[in-house]
């Protein structure tokens, strides 16, 4: 018997600072306004890339201010995901300015124009998103403490049918909160999640170090300190360090350091804008883990999702449906297969 969309479990809900509307500014071009961004947008994209045949199993919830464009909401609706929009008539949408360098087109700065409109576990009450199999969080250690406590409380109050007792939790820390003074707080909060995922610059910031270049030895040593402190309730979680054009590091108590390269080399002409690539990585990583129960295999999913996120400013272009769905003219599963083949080739050469 075929199940309806309402009967199939939600695979992922991303929570954090919500959906942002960016204004892109370059010295030699006219500004581009209302470009959808933010951690929730790109983490949801990453998961949605791998849900062509069952898009309604990807959940999304965000708060839209009184000036939020309906055209952006229509983009998310066309993804056919389980969408909940909380409309706020008394507040403006979250907006920011993104500045790019003229010489190399690299992003050089971000300025908030309005306050963020974060979404919490409490905002999911009354929706089926509360019973998701996994959460991807973006926020501070204190935010994680609060959200995990809310999950536990709601599981107790609402029962198993309305919540998942032990959802898989992936945490991306807020960059500005990654400081030596907050190291112990982050290590404590990391014990509440299954995957802790700073980028390499955020990881270095915990130890008071700048990161002018990627140093795998330094990254592995700092990552090991989080593993030693314990990630996950039983210490069985992993740290996933995203290192931009150098790929990613996966490390846990049960596996040695494992580095995976990016899909697009850093100097590839396909790399247009890395904004949101890390968020997309984590959304897809979570789906990959649900499919494979392997952190390394899941990182392959994340790597492929990141490659789609950075091929343009904003969101990749989607067309087609189900098995015929393509993003930027490419089937996602084909790119995943190509990346896996690339990894097998490297393994055989080693």
Protein backbone atom coordinates (compact mmCIF):
# COMPACT_ATOMS: atom_id res chain seq x y z
CA UNK A 1 0.00 0.00 0.00
CA UNK A 2 1.39 3.42 -0.96
CA UNK A 3 1.76 5.88 1.90
CA UNK A 4 0.72 9.51 1.65
CA UNK A 5 3.15 12.38 2.15
CA UNK A 6 1.64 13.01 5.60
CA UNK A 7 2.49 9.46 6.68
CA UNK A 8 6.14 9.54 5.65
CA UNK A 9 8.53 10.87 8.31
CA UNK A 10 10.33 14.17 7.93
CA UNK A 11 14.04 13.55 7.38
CA UNK A 12 15.47 16.95 8.30
CA UNK A 13 14.56 20.34 9.71
CA UNK A 14 17.21 23.07 9.85
CA UNK A 15 16.93 25.68 12.61
CA UNK A 16 18.95 28.76 13.41
CA UNK A 17 18.98 32.33 12.16
CA UNK A 18 16.35 31.67 9.54
CA UNK A 19 16.12 32.90 5.95
CA UNK A 20 17.99 36.08 5.03
CA UNK A 21 17.49 38.43 2.13
CA UNK A 22 20.90 39.53 0.93
CA UNK A 23 21.85 42.53 -1.16
CA UNK A 24 24.95 41.69 -3.20
CA UNK A 25 27.31 44.59 -3.82
CA UNK A 26 30.28 44.62 -6.20
CA UNK A 27 32.26 47.69 -7.11
CA UNK A 28 31.75 47.33 -10.86
CA UNK A 29 28.10 46.20 -10.95
CA UNK A 30 24.62 47.22 -9.94
CA UNK A 31 23.50 45.77 -6.56
CA UNK A 32 21.45 42.58 -6.67
CA UNK A 33 18.70 42.61 -4.06
CA UNK A 34 16.57 39.98 -2.30
CA UNK A 35 18.96 37.07 -2.85
CA UNK A 36 17.82 34.27 -0.52
CA UNK A 37 20.47 33.27 1.99
CA UNK A 38 20.98 32.18 5.57
CA UNK A 39 21.78 28.88 7.25
CA UNK A 40 18.22 27.54 7.09
CA UNK A 41 17.95 28.24 3.35
CA UNK A 42 21.13 26.44 2.37
CA UNK A 43 20.89 23.55 4.83
CA UNK A 44 17.39 22.86 3.49
CA UNK A 45 18.75 23.09 -0.05
CA UNK A 46 21.44 20.52 0.75
CA UNK A 47 18.87 18.04 2.03
CA UNK A 48 16.42 18.76 -0.78
CA UNK A 49 19.05 18.01 -3.43
CA UNK A 50 18.89 14.35 -2.37
CA UNK A 51 15.11 14.10 -2.09
CA UNK A 52 14.00 14.28 -5.72
CA UNK A 53 11.59 11.37 -5.34
CA UNK A 54 10.25 12.35 -1.93
CA UNK A 55 10.68 16.11 -1.43
CA UNK A 56 7.89 16.38 1.15
CA UNK A 57 10.12 14.55 3.64
CA UNK A 58 12.31 17.65 3.90
CA UNK A 59 10.94 20.22 6.32
CA UNK A 60 11.49 23.95 6.43
CA UNK A 61 10.26 26.56 8.88
CA UNK A 62 11.16 30.23 9.00
CA UNK A 63 9.83 33.63 10.00
CA UNK A 64 9.02 36.12 7.24
CA UNK A 65 8.77 39.81 8.01
CA UNK A 66 6.12 42.08 6.58
CA UNK A 67 8.34 42.89 3.57
CA UNK A 68 9.31 39.32 2.66
CA UNK A 69 8.88 38.79 -1.11
CA UNK A 70 6.25 36.24 -2.10
CA UNK A 71 8.48 35.30 -5.03
CA UNK A 72 11.06 33.84 -2.62
CA UNK A 73 8.43 31.81 -0.82
CA UNK A 74 7.31 30.53 -4.22
CA UNK A 75 10.82 29.19 -4.84
CA UNK A 76 10.58 27.09 -1.69
CA UNK A 77 7.04 25.97 -2.54
CA UNK A 78 8.27 24.72 -5.92
CA UNK A 79 10.73 22.50 -4.10
CA UNK A 80 7.61 20.63 -2.85
CA UNK A 81 8.99 20.46 0.68
CA UNK A 82 6.94 20.54 3.90
CA UNK A 83 6.99 24.31 4.36
CA UNK A 84 5.87 26.35 7.38
CA UNK A 85 6.12 30.14 7.15
CA UNK A 86 5.47 32.23 10.26
CA UNK A 87 4.45 35.66 8.96
CA UNK A 88 5.34 38.59 11.22
CA UNK A 89 3.37 41.69 10.35
CA UNK A 90 5.12 43.88 12.91
CA UNK A 91 8.76 43.16 12.00
CA UNK A 92 10.96 43.54 8.92
CA UNK A 93 12.56 40.53 7.29
CA UNK A 94 16.17 39.63 8.07
CA UNK A 95 18.31 41.57 5.60
CA UNK A 96 22.03 42.00 5.07
CA UNK A 97 24.62 43.49 2.73
CA UNK A 98 27.21 41.19 1.16
CA UNK A 99 30.37 42.82 -0.21
CA UNK A 100 32.70 41.30 -2.80
CA UNK A 101 36.24 42.18 -3.80
CA UNK A 102 36.54 43.53 -7.33
CA UNK A 103 39.91 41.90 -8.04
CA UNK A 104 39.08 38.26 -7.33
CA UNK A 105 35.31 38.26 -6.71
CA UNK A 106 35.78 36.80 -3.23
CA UNK A 107 33.30 37.63 -0.51
CA UNK A 108 34.92 40.15 1.83
CA UNK A 109 32.23 41.14 4.28
CA UNK A 110 28.67 40.96 5.56
CA UNK A 111 26.67 43.65 7.33
CA UNK A 112 23.34 43.10 9.04
CA UNK A 113 20.67 45.62 8.18
CA UNK A 114 17.99 44.16 10.45
CA UNK A 115 17.84 41.70 13.33
CA UNK A 116 17.75 37.95 12.70
CA UNK A 117 14.46 36.10 13.13
CA UNK A 118 15.60 32.80 14.67
CA UNK A 119 13.41 29.71 14.68
CA UNK A 120 13.35 27.41 17.70
CA UNK A 121 11.97 23.99 18.58
CA UNK A 122 9.02 25.75 20.18
CA UNK A 123 8.08 27.29 16.83
CA UNK A 124 7.53 23.78 15.43
CA UNK A 125 4.73 22.88 17.82
CA UNK A 126 1.52 22.07 16.00
CA UNK A 127 3.39 21.00 12.85
CA UNK A 128 4.64 17.59 11.73
CA UNK A 129 8.14 19.07 11.55
CA UNK A 130 8.52 18.41 15.26
CA UNK A 131 8.71 14.68 14.55
CA UNK A 132 11.71 14.96 12.25
CA UNK A 133 14.37 12.26 12.27
CA UNK A 134 17.15 14.84 12.36
CA UNK A 135 17.89 18.47 13.11
CA UNK A 136 20.62 20.74 11.76
CA UNK A 137 21.27 23.62 14.13
CA UNK A 138 23.22 26.83 13.61
CA UNK A 139 23.90 28.79 16.77
CA UNK A 140 25.82 29.29 19.99
CA UNK A 141 26.51 26.70 22.68
CA UNK A 142 23.75 28.26 24.79
CA UNK A 143 21.29 27.91 21.90
CA UNK A 144 22.13 24.21 21.60
CA UNK A 145 21.63 23.69 25.34
CA UNK A 146 18.19 25.30 25.10
CA UNK A 147 17.06 23.47 21.96
CA UNK A 148 18.15 20.01 23.10
CA UNK A 149 16.41 20.61 26.44
CA UNK A 150 13.27 21.63 24.52
CA UNK A 151 13.40 18.43 22.46
CA UNK A 152 13.67 16.36 25.63
CA UNK A 153 10.81 18.23 27.28
CA UNK A 154 8.50 17.91 24.28
CA UNK A 155 9.26 14.20 23.91
CA UNK A 156 8.14 13.75 27.50
CA UNK A 157 5.04 15.92 27.19
CA UNK A 158 3.79 15.00 23.72
CA UNK A 159 4.76 11.35 23.41
CA UNK A 160 6.45 9.31 20.70
CA UNK A 161 3.84 9.88 17.99
CA UNK A 162 4.46 13.60 17.84
CA UNK A 163 8.20 13.72 18.43
CA UNK A 164 11.23 11.55 17.74
CA UNK A 165 12.81 10.54 21.02
CA UNK A 166 16.45 10.66 19.85
CA UNK A 167 16.75 12.66 16.64
CA UNK A 168 20.12 12.83 14.90
CA UNK A 169 21.55 16.29 15.63
CA UNK A 170 24.16 18.19 13.62
CA UNK A 171 25.51 21.47 15.01
CA UNK A 172 27.25 24.27 13.15
CA UNK A 173 28.54 26.82 15.69
CA UNK A 174 28.02 30.55 15.28
CA UNK A 175 31.36 31.95 14.10
CA UNK A 176 31.46 34.91 16.47
CA UNK A 177 30.90 32.63 19.46
CA UNK A 178 34.00 30.54 18.70
CA UNK A 179 36.53 32.00 21.14
CA UNK A 180 39.00 30.65 23.71
CA UNK A 181 36.69 31.85 26.50
CA UNK A 182 33.83 29.70 25.18
CA UNK A 183 35.84 26.54 24.41
CA UNK A 184 34.59 24.64 27.46
CA UNK A 185 30.99 25.69 26.77
CA UNK A 186 31.20 24.36 23.22
CA UNK A 187 32.81 21.13 24.35
CA UNK A 188 30.01 20.63 26.86
CA UNK A 189 27.32 21.34 24.26
CA UNK A 190 29.03 19.03 21.76
CA UNK A 191 28.20 16.14 24.08
CA UNK A 192 24.52 16.80 23.37
CA UNK A 193 24.79 16.42 19.59
CA UNK A 194 25.88 13.71 17.18
CA UNK A 195 28.02 15.86 14.89
CA UNK A 196 29.90 19.06 15.70
CA UNK A 197 30.94 20.95 12.57
CA UNK A 198 32.98 24.15 12.71
CA UNK A 199 34.93 25.29 9.69
CA UNK A 200 38.72 25.38 10.05
CA UNK A 201 38.81 29.09 10.88
CA UNK A 202 36.20 28.69 13.62
CA UNK A 203 38.09 25.70 15.01
CA UNK A 204 41.34 27.71 15.17
CA UNK A 205 39.49 30.57 16.90
CA UNK A 206 38.80 28.37 19.93
CA UNK A 207 42.54 28.16 20.45
CA UNK A 208 43.30 31.82 19.81
CA UNK A 209 44.99 31.19 16.48
CA UNK A 210 44.60 32.83 13.10
CA UNK A 211 44.19 30.65 10.03
CA UNK A 212 46.07 32.23 7.10
CA UNK A 213 46.55 28.81 5.50
CA UNK A 214 45.07 25.37 5.99
CA UNK A 215 47.37 23.21 8.15
CA UNK A 216 46.01 19.63 8.31
CA UNK A 217 48.20 18.70 11.29
CA UNK A 218 47.00 21.68 13.33
CA UNK A 219 43.37 21.04 12.37
CA UNK A 220 43.60 17.37 13.33
CA UNK A 221 45.15 18.19 16.70
CA UNK A 222 42.52 20.78 17.57
CA UNK A 223 39.71 18.52 16.37
CA UNK A 224 41.07 15.71 18.53
CA UNK A 225 40.60 17.88 21.62
CA UNK A 226 36.84 17.93 20.97
CA UNK A 227 36.79 14.17 20.38
CA UNK A 228 38.68 13.62 23.63
CA UNK A 229 36.19 15.83 25.49
CA UNK A 230 33.36 13.75 24.04
CA UNK A 231 30.92 14.33 21.19
CA UNK A 232 27.49 12.77 21.55
CA UNK A 233 25.79 11.33 24.63
CA UNK A 234 27.98 8.22 24.56
CA UNK A 235 31.03 9.81 22.99
CA UNK A 236 30.28 8.10 19.68
CA UNK A 237 29.73 11.26 17.63
CA UNK A 238 32.15 12.92 15.25
CA UNK A 239 33.67 16.28 14.46
CA UNK A 240 33.33 17.39 10.85
CA UNK A 241 35.71 20.24 10.02
CA UNK A 242 34.88 22.02 6.77
CA UNK A 243 38.04 23.49 5.25
CA UNK A 244 36.72 25.29 2.16
CA UNK A 245 38.72 24.46 -0.97
CA UNK A 246 40.77 21.92 0.98
CA UNK A 247 37.81 19.62 1.59
CA UNK A 248 36.78 18.32 4.98
CA UNK A 249 38.12 16.34 7.93
CA UNK A 250 36.08 13.62 9.65
CA UNK A 251 37.30 12.41 13.03
CA UNK A 252 35.72 10.39 15.83
CA UNK A 253 36.69 8.17 18.74
CA UNK A 254 36.29 5.14 16.49
CA UNK A 255 38.06 6.34 13.35
CA UNK A 256 41.35 8.09 12.58
CA UNK A 257 41.48 11.41 10.72
CA UNK A 258 39.94 11.11 7.27
CA UNK A 259 40.21 13.90 4.69
CA UNK A 260 37.93 14.17 1.67
CA UNK A 261 38.66 16.61 -1.17
CA UNK A 262 36.08 19.06 -2.55
CA UNK A 263 34.19 18.16 -5.73
CA UNK A 264 35.34 21.33 -7.49
CA UNK A 265 39.00 22.29 -6.97
CA UNK A 266 39.42 25.71 -5.37
CA UNK A 267 40.72 27.19 -8.63
CA UNK A 268 37.89 25.75 -10.75
CA UNK A 269 35.97 28.16 -12.98
CA UNK A 270 32.81 26.54 -11.62
CA UNK A 271 33.43 28.10 -8.20
CA UNK A 272 31.50 31.39 -8.26
CA UNK A 273 30.43 32.07 -4.66
CA UNK A 274 31.03 29.88 -1.63
CA UNK A 275 28.28 31.54 0.43
CA UNK A 276 26.03 28.85 1.90
CA UNK A 277 28.18 25.94 0.73
CA UNK A 278 28.96 24.87 4.30
CA UNK A 279 25.28 24.94 5.27
CA UNK A 280 24.35 22.93 2.16
CA UNK A 281 27.10 20.46 3.05
CA UNK A 282 25.57 19.80 6.47
CA UNK A 283 22.00 19.47 5.22
CA UNK A 284 23.07 16.86 2.66
CA UNK A 285 25.45 15.20 5.14
CA UNK A 286 22.50 14.53 7.41
CA UNK A 287 20.55 12.82 4.62
CA UNK A 288 23.64 10.84 3.67
CA UNK A 289 24.07 9.62 7.23
CA UNK A 290 20.45 8.48 7.35
CA UNK A 291 20.99 6.49 4.15
CA UNK A 292 24.38 4.99 4.91
CA UNK A 293 25.03 5.27 8.68
CA UNK A 294 28.60 6.18 7.69
CA UNK A 295 30.14 9.54 8.52
CA UNK A 296 32.56 9.28 5.61
CA UNK A 297 29.88 8.29 3.09
CA UNK A 298 27.67 11.07 4.43
CA UNK A 299 30.50 13.57 3.92
CA UNK A 300 30.45 12.60 0.24
CA UNK A 301 26.82 13.69 0.08
CA UNK A 302 27.78 16.95 1.76
CA UNK A 303 30.66 17.56 -0.61
CA UNK A 304 28.39 17.13 -3.63
CA UNK A 305 25.72 19.45 -2.20
CA UNK A 306 28.35 22.12 -1.52
CA UNK A 307 29.44 21.91 -5.16
CA UNK A 308 25.95 22.90 -6.32
CA UNK A 309 25.73 25.75 -3.79
CA UNK A 310 28.90 27.48 -4.95
CA UNK A 311 28.31 27.42 -8.71
CA UNK A 312 26.36 30.72 -8.61
CA UNK A 313 25.35 33.59 -6.38
CA UNK A 314 22.25 32.45 -4.49
CA UNK A 315 20.44 29.19 -5.16
CA UNK A 316 21.11 26.70 -7.98
CA UNK A 317 18.54 26.42 -10.75
CA UNK A 318 16.20 23.44 -10.55
CA UNK A 319 14.14 21.87 -13.35
CA UNK A 320 12.37 18.56 -13.98
CA UNK A 321 10.68 16.22 -11.54
CA UNK A 322 11.53 12.99 -9.67
CA UNK A 323 14.15 10.94 -11.57
CA UNK A 324 14.28 13.63 -14.23
CA UNK A 325 15.08 16.41 -11.77
CA UNK A 326 18.28 18.35 -12.41
CA UNK A 327 20.01 21.23 -10.62
CA UNK A 328 22.22 23.47 -12.75
CA UNK A 329 21.62 20.98 -15.54
CA UNK A 330 22.99 17.98 -13.61
CA UNK A 331 21.38 15.05 -11.81
CA UNK A 332 22.51 15.11 -8.20
CA UNK A 333 22.81 11.33 -7.94
CA UNK A 334 25.02 11.31 -11.06
CA UNK A 335 27.38 13.81 -9.46
CA UNK A 336 27.44 11.74 -6.26
CA UNK A 337 28.30 8.63 -8.30
CA UNK A 338 31.08 10.54 -10.08
CA UNK A 339 32.50 11.72 -6.76
CA UNK A 340 32.42 8.21 -5.33
CA UNK A 341 34.23 6.95 -8.43
CA UNK A 342 36.81 9.67 -7.99
CA UNK A 343 37.36 8.55 -4.39
CA UNK A 344 37.72 4.91 -5.43
CA UNK A 345 40.35 5.96 -7.94
CA UNK A 346 42.33 7.80 -5.30
CA UNK A 347 42.07 4.78 -2.97
CA UNK A 348 43.38 2.41 -5.65
CA UNK A 349 46.31 4.74 -6.38
CA UNK A 350 47.31 4.93 -2.72
